[in-house]
Amino acid sequence: MIVADTNIISYLFLPTSYSNSVDKLFTLDSAWIAPTLWKSEFRNVLALYLRKEIITFEKALQLQEAAESIMINSEFEVSSSQVLALVNKSNCSAYDCEFIALAKHQNIPLITIPSPILI
């Protein structure tokens, strides 16, 4: 089991230079968990793809449904105090610290890859 951040989840569904690596990761370990925040962040990724006309509205709906189906029963609330403690000790955003807090709480790895720049 791993904590998959939103980039990892996105790369599973949207073609990027990281998609092959993420596909292999999913084949090796498909037990992914994430804080409930992932869903809003994924919607924001889809919004970017929609605005850049990379995908259609219908495709965005399909991708959201597909992502939610693999993450069903794998979403967790995280403690605000744990998130803020991590923020206090780092330069990470509170959003990123949600994923870190979940990984620490579950004592499992957090997997992330940087965001690609869309042109």
N, C-alpha and C. Protein backbone atom coordinates (compact mmCIF):
# COMPACT_ATOMS: atom_id res chain seq x y z
N MET A 1 0.84 -1.17 0.00
CA MET A 1 0.00 0.00 0.00
C MET A 1 0.89 1.24 0.00
N ILE A 2 0.43 2.26 -0.74
CA ILE A 2 1.16 3.53 -0.81
C ILE A 2 0.18 4.69 -0.70
N VAL A 3 0.70 5.84 -0.30
CA VAL A 3 -0.04 7.09 -0.45
C VAL A 3 0.37 7.64 -1.80
N ALA A 4 -0.59 7.81 -2.68
CA ALA A 4 -0.35 8.36 -4.02
C ALA A 4 -0.82 9.81 -4.01
N ASP A 5 0.08 10.72 -4.37
CA ASP A 5 -0.38 12.11 -4.43
C ASP A 5 -1.15 12.34 -5.73
N THR A 6 -1.71 13.51 -5.86
CA THR A 6 -2.58 13.79 -7.00
C THR A 6 -1.83 13.71 -8.32
N ASN A 7 -0.54 14.07 -8.34
CA ASN A 7 0.22 13.93 -9.58
C ASN A 7 0.25 12.48 -10.03
N ILE A 8 0.51 11.58 -9.10
CA ILE A 8 0.57 10.15 -9.43
C ILE A 8 -0.77 9.68 -9.98
N ILE A 9 -1.84 10.06 -9.29
CA ILE A 9 -3.19 9.66 -9.75
C ILE A 9 -3.45 10.24 -11.14
N SER A 10 -3.07 11.48 -11.34
CA SER A 10 -3.28 12.13 -12.64
C SER A 10 -2.53 11.42 -13.75
N TYR A 11 -1.28 11.06 -13.48
CA TYR A 11 -0.45 10.42 -14.51
C TYR A 11 -0.96 9.03 -14.88
N LEU A 12 -1.76 8.44 -14.01
CA LEU A 12 -2.37 7.15 -14.34
C LEU A 12 -3.44 7.32 -15.42
N PHE A 13 -4.06 8.50 -15.45
CA PHE A 13 -5.19 8.72 -16.36
C PHE A 13 -4.92 9.68 -17.51
N LEU A 14 -3.89 10.51 -17.36
CA LEU A 14 -3.59 11.50 -18.39
C LEU A 14 -2.20 11.24 -18.95
N PRO A 15 -2.05 11.26 -20.26
CA PRO A 15 -0.74 10.94 -20.85
C PRO A 15 0.30 12.02 -20.57
N THR A 16 1.39 11.60 -19.96
CA THR A 16 2.55 12.47 -19.69
C THR A 16 3.80 11.62 -19.85
N SER A 17 4.93 12.25 -19.71
CA SER A 17 6.19 11.50 -19.79
C SER A 17 6.35 10.55 -18.59
N TYR A 18 5.54 10.75 -17.55
CA TYR A 18 5.61 9.90 -16.36
C TYR A 18 4.61 8.74 -16.38
N SER A 19 3.72 8.72 -17.34
CA SER A 19 2.62 7.75 -17.33
C SER A 19 3.09 6.29 -17.35
N ASN A 20 4.11 5.98 -18.13
CA ASN A 20 4.60 4.59 -18.17
C ASN A 20 5.10 4.14 -16.80
N SER A 21 5.84 5.00 -16.13
CA SER A 21 6.34 4.66 -14.79
C SER A 21 5.20 4.47 -13.81
N VAL A 22 4.20 5.33 -13.90
CA VAL A 22 3.05 5.22 -12.99
C VAL A 22 2.24 3.97 -13.30
N ASP A 23 2.09 3.63 -14.57
CA ASP A 23 1.41 2.38 -14.93
C ASP A 23 2.11 1.18 -14.31
N LYS A 24 3.44 1.17 -14.36
CA LYS A 24 4.21 0.08 -13.76
C LYS A 24 4.02 0.05 -12.25
N LEU A 25 4.02 1.23 -11.63
CA LEU A 25 3.78 1.31 -10.19
C LEU A 25 2.42 0.72 -9.83
N PHE A 26 1.40 1.07 -10.60
CA PHE A 26 0.05 0.57 -10.34
C PHE A 26 -0.02 -0.94 -10.51
N THR A 27 0.73 -1.46 -11.47
CA THR A 27 0.79 -2.91 -11.68
C THR A 27 1.44 -3.60 -10.48
N LEU A 28 2.48 -2.98 -9.94
CA LEU A 28 3.18 -3.55 -8.79
C LEU A 28 2.38 -3.44 -7.50
N ASP A 29 1.69 -2.31 -7.33
CA ASP A 29 0.94 -2.08 -6.09
C ASP A 29 -0.24 -1.16 -6.40
N SER A 30 -1.41 -1.74 -6.52
CA SER A 30 -2.60 -0.97 -6.85
C SER A 30 -3.38 -0.52 -5.62
N ALA A 31 -2.84 -0.80 -4.44
CA ALA A 31 -3.50 -0.36 -3.19
C ALA A 31 -3.03 1.05 -2.87
N TRP A 32 -3.70 2.02 -3.49
CA TRP A 32 -3.35 3.42 -3.31
C TRP A 32 -4.35 4.08 -2.36
N ILE A 33 -3.84 4.92 -1.48
CA ILE A 33 -4.71 5.73 -0.63
C ILE A 33 -4.29 7.19 -0.76
N ALA A 34 -5.20 8.08 -0.35
CA ALA A 34 -4.92 9.51 -0.43
C ALA A 34 -5.85 10.25 0.52
N PRO A 35 -5.45 11.46 0.93
CA PRO A 35 -6.39 12.27 1.69
C PRO A 35 -7.54 12.69 0.77
N THR A 36 -8.67 13.01 1.33
CA THR A 36 -9.84 13.37 0.51
C THR A 36 -9.55 14.55 -0.40
N LEU A 37 -8.58 15.33 -0.08
CA LEU A 37 -8.16 16.46 -0.90
C LEU A 37 -7.84 16.07 -2.34
N TRP A 38 -7.39 14.85 -2.57
CA TRP A 38 -6.97 14.42 -3.90
C TRP A 38 -8.03 14.71 -4.95
N LYS A 39 -9.29 14.52 -4.55
CA LYS A 39 -10.38 14.64 -5.52
C LYS A 39 -10.50 16.07 -6.05
N SER A 40 -10.40 17.04 -5.16
CA SER A 40 -10.45 18.45 -5.59
C SER A 40 -9.23 18.80 -6.43
N GLU A 41 -8.08 18.31 -6.02
CA GLU A 41 -6.87 18.58 -6.79
C GLU A 41 -6.95 17.95 -8.19
N PHE A 42 -7.50 16.75 -8.26
CA PHE A 42 -7.65 16.09 -9.56
C PHE A 42 -8.62 16.86 -10.44
N ARG A 43 -9.70 17.36 -9.85
CA ARG A 43 -10.63 18.20 -10.61
C ARG A 43 -9.91 19.43 -11.17
N ASN A 44 -9.01 19.98 -10.38
CA ASN A 44 -8.26 21.15 -10.83
C ASN A 44 -7.34 20.80 -12.00
N VAL A 45 -6.73 19.62 -11.97
CA VAL A 45 -5.91 19.16 -13.11
C VAL A 45 -6.80 19.04 -14.35
N LEU A 46 -7.97 18.44 -14.18
CA LEU A 46 -8.89 18.30 -15.31
C LEU A 46 -9.33 19.67 -15.82
N ALA A 47 -9.53 20.62 -14.92
CA ALA A 47 -9.90 21.98 -15.32
C ALA A 47 -8.83 22.58 -16.22
N LEU A 48 -7.58 22.37 -15.86
CA LEU A 48 -6.47 22.88 -16.67
C LEU A 48 -6.48 22.24 -18.06
N TYR A 49 -6.67 20.93 -18.11
CA TYR A 49 -6.70 20.23 -19.39
C TYR A 49 -7.90 20.69 -20.22
N LEU A 50 -9.04 20.95 -19.58
CA LEU A 50 -10.21 21.46 -20.28
C LEU A 50 -9.94 22.85 -20.86
N ARG A 51 -9.39 23.73 -20.05
CA ARG A 51 -9.14 25.11 -20.49
C ARG A 51 -8.11 25.19 -21.60
N LYS A 52 -7.18 24.27 -21.61
CA LYS A 52 -6.18 24.23 -22.67
C LYS A 52 -6.67 23.41 -23.86
N GLU A 53 -7.91 22.93 -23.77
CA GLU A 53 -8.56 22.15 -24.82
C GLU A 53 -7.78 20.89 -25.18
N ILE A 54 -7.19 20.29 -24.15
CA ILE A 54 -6.48 19.02 -24.33
C ILE A 54 -7.47 17.86 -24.25
N ILE A 55 -8.50 18.02 -23.44
CA ILE A 55 -9.57 17.02 -23.33
C ILE A 55 -10.92 17.73 -23.45
N THR A 56 -11.94 16.95 -23.75
CA THR A 56 -13.31 17.47 -23.82
C THR A 56 -13.96 17.39 -22.44
N PHE A 57 -15.06 18.07 -22.30
CA PHE A 57 -15.83 18.00 -21.06
C PHE A 57 -16.25 16.56 -20.77
N GLU A 58 -16.69 15.86 -21.79
CA GLU A 58 -17.13 14.46 -21.62
C GLU A 58 -15.97 13.59 -21.16
N LYS A 59 -14.79 13.83 -21.74
CA LYS A 59 -13.61 13.06 -21.33
C LYS A 59 -13.25 13.38 -19.88
N ALA A 60 -13.35 14.64 -19.48
CA ALA A 60 -13.06 15.02 -18.09
C ALA A 60 -13.99 14.28 -17.14
N LEU A 61 -15.26 14.20 -17.49
CA LEU A 61 -16.21 13.46 -16.64
C LEU A 61 -15.83 11.99 -16.56
N GLN A 62 -15.45 11.40 -17.68
CA GLN A 62 -15.05 9.99 -17.70
C GLN A 62 -13.81 9.76 -16.83
N LEU A 63 -12.84 10.66 -16.95
CA LEU A 63 -11.60 10.52 -16.18
C LEU A 63 -11.86 10.68 -14.69
N GLN A 64 -12.71 11.63 -14.32
CA GLN A 64 -13.04 11.81 -12.90
C GLN A 64 -13.70 10.56 -12.35
N GLU A 65 -14.64 10.03 -13.11
CA GLU A 65 -15.33 8.80 -12.67
C GLU A 65 -14.37 7.63 -12.55
N ALA A 66 -13.48 7.49 -13.50
CA ALA A 66 -12.50 6.39 -13.47
C ALA A 66 -11.56 6.53 -12.28
N ALA A 67 -11.08 7.74 -12.04
CA ALA A 67 -10.18 7.96 -10.91
C ALA A 67 -10.90 7.69 -9.59
N GLU A 68 -12.12 8.18 -9.47
CA GLU A 68 -12.88 7.93 -8.24
C GLU A 68 -13.13 6.45 -8.04
N SER A 69 -13.31 5.71 -9.12
CA SER A 69 -13.58 4.27 -8.97
C SER A 69 -12.38 3.51 -8.43
N ILE A 70 -11.15 3.94 -8.79
CA ILE A 70 -9.99 3.22 -8.23
C ILE A 70 -9.66 3.69 -6.81
N MET A 71 -10.16 4.86 -6.44
CA MET A 71 -9.86 5.40 -5.11
C MET A 71 -11.01 5.20 -4.13
N ILE A 72 -12.06 4.53 -4.56
CA ILE A 72 -13.21 4.31 -3.68
C ILE A 72 -12.75 3.55 -2.43
N ASN A 73 -13.21 3.98 -1.31
CA ASN A 73 -12.85 3.41 0.00
C ASN A 73 -11.36 3.55 0.31
N SER A 74 -10.69 4.47 -0.38
CA SER A 74 -9.25 4.67 -0.16
C SER A 74 -8.93 6.12 0.19
N GLU A 75 -9.95 6.86 0.58
CA GLU A 75 -9.78 8.27 0.93
C GLU A 75 -9.85 8.42 2.45
N PHE A 76 -8.97 9.27 2.97
CA PHE A 76 -8.88 9.43 4.41
C PHE A 76 -8.84 10.90 4.80
N GLU A 77 -9.48 11.22 5.90
CA GLU A 77 -9.35 12.54 6.51
C GLU A 77 -8.02 12.55 7.25
N VAL A 78 -7.39 13.71 7.29
CA VAL A 78 -6.14 13.84 8.03
C VAL A 78 -6.31 14.89 9.12
N SER A 79 -5.50 14.76 10.14
CA SER A 79 -5.57 15.65 11.29
C SER A 79 -5.00 17.02 10.93
N SER A 80 -5.78 18.06 11.19
CA SER A 80 -5.31 19.42 10.92
C SER A 80 -4.07 19.74 11.74
N SER A 81 -4.03 19.26 12.97
CA SER A 81 -2.86 19.56 13.80
C SER A 81 -1.61 18.89 13.24
N GLN A 82 -1.74 17.67 12.71
CA GLN A 82 -0.59 17.01 12.08
C GLN A 82 -0.15 17.74 10.83
N VAL A 83 -1.10 18.18 10.04
CA VAL A 83 -0.78 18.91 8.81
C VAL A 83 -0.06 20.21 9.15
N LEU A 84 -0.60 20.97 10.09
CA LEU A 84 0.01 22.25 10.45
C LEU A 84 1.37 22.07 11.11
N ALA A 85 1.55 20.99 11.85
CA ALA A 85 2.88 20.71 12.43
C ALA A 85 3.89 20.47 11.33
N LEU A 86 3.49 19.77 10.28
CA LEU A 86 4.38 19.53 9.15
C LEU A 86 4.66 20.83 8.39
N VAL A 87 3.63 21.65 8.22
CA VAL A 87 3.81 22.95 7.56
C VAL A 87 4.82 23.78 8.35
N ASN A 88 4.69 23.75 9.66
CA ASN A 88 5.55 24.54 10.54
C ASN A 88 7.02 24.15 10.44
N LYS A 89 7.28 22.90 10.07
CA LYS A 89 8.66 22.38 10.01
C LYS A 89 9.20 22.31 8.58
N SER A 90 8.46 22.82 7.60
CA SER A 90 8.89 22.65 6.20
C SER A 90 8.50 23.86 5.37
N ASN A 91 8.85 23.80 4.12
CA ASN A 91 8.41 24.80 3.15
C ASN A 91 7.30 24.25 2.26
N CYS A 92 6.77 23.09 2.61
CA CYS A 92 5.71 22.46 1.82
C CYS A 92 4.38 23.17 2.05
N SER A 93 3.53 23.10 1.04
CA SER A 93 2.18 23.65 1.18
C SER A 93 1.37 22.78 2.13
N ALA A 94 0.31 23.34 2.66
CA ALA A 94 -0.60 22.56 3.50
C ALA A 94 -1.19 21.41 2.69
N TYR A 95 -1.42 21.65 1.40
CA TYR A 95 -1.95 20.58 0.54
C TYR A 95 -0.99 19.40 0.49
N ASP A 96 0.28 19.69 0.24
CA ASP A 96 1.29 18.62 0.20
C ASP A 96 1.41 17.94 1.56
N CYS A 97 1.31 18.72 2.62
CA CYS A 97 1.45 18.15 3.96
C CYS A 97 0.30 17.21 4.32
N GLU A 98 -0.84 17.34 3.66
CA GLU A 98 -1.93 16.38 3.88
C GLU A 98 -1.49 14.98 3.46
N PHE A 99 -0.83 14.89 2.32
CA PHE A 99 -0.34 13.60 1.83
C PHE A 99 0.76 13.05 2.74
N ILE A 100 1.64 13.93 3.17
CA ILE A 100 2.73 13.53 4.07
C ILE A 100 2.16 13.04 5.39
N ALA A 101 1.19 13.77 5.94
CA ALA A 101 0.57 13.38 7.22
C ALA A 101 -0.09 12.01 7.11
N LEU A 102 -0.76 11.76 6.01
CA LEU A 102 -1.41 10.45 5.83
C LEU A 102 -0.36 9.34 5.75
N ALA A 103 0.71 9.57 5.02
CA ALA A 103 1.77 8.56 4.92
C ALA A 103 2.39 8.29 6.28
N LYS A 104 2.64 9.35 7.04
CA LYS A 104 3.21 9.16 8.39
C LYS A 104 2.23 8.41 9.28
N HIS A 105 0.96 8.81 9.24
CA HIS A 105 -0.05 8.16 10.10
C HIS A 105 -0.21 6.68 9.77
N GLN A 106 -0.17 6.35 8.48
CA GLN A 106 -0.34 4.96 8.04
C GLN A 106 0.98 4.19 8.05
N ASN A 107 2.10 4.92 8.23
CA ASN A 107 3.43 4.32 8.21
C ASN A 107 3.70 3.58 6.90
N ILE A 108 3.38 4.27 5.80
CA ILE A 108 3.61 3.72 4.46
C ILE A 108 4.25 4.80 3.59
N PRO A 109 4.84 4.40 2.46
CA PRO A 109 5.50 5.39 1.60
C PRO A 109 4.52 6.33 0.91
N LEU A 110 4.97 7.54 0.70
CA LEU A 110 4.29 8.52 -0.13
C LEU A 110 5.03 8.55 -1.46
N ILE A 111 4.30 8.39 -2.55
CA ILE A 111 4.90 8.42 -3.88
C ILE A 111 4.45 9.70 -4.58
N THR A 112 5.42 10.42 -5.12
CA THR A 112 5.13 11.64 -5.86
C THR A 112 6.13 11.80 -6.99
N ILE A 113 5.71 12.56 -7.97
CA ILE A 113 6.54 12.94 -9.11
C ILE A 113 6.20 14.41 -9.39
N PRO A 114 7.16 15.20 -9.78
CA PRO A 114 6.84 16.60 -10.06
C PRO A 114 5.79 16.77 -11.16
N SER A 115 5.15 17.91 -11.14
CA SER A 115 4.17 18.24 -12.19
C SER A 115 4.90 18.61 -13.47
N PRO A 116 4.42 18.07 -14.60
CA PRO A 116 5.00 18.51 -15.87
C PRO A 116 4.45 19.88 -16.23
N ILE A 117 5.17 20.60 -17.04
CA ILE A 117 4.70 21.90 -17.50
C ILE A 117 3.92 21.69 -18.78
N LEU A 118 2.68 22.14 -18.80
CA LEU A 118 1.86 22.02 -19.99
C LEU A 118 2.11 23.23 -20.88
N ILE A 119 2.24 22.99 -22.14
CA ILE A 119 2.47 24.09 -23.08
C ILE A 119 1.20 24.38 -23.84
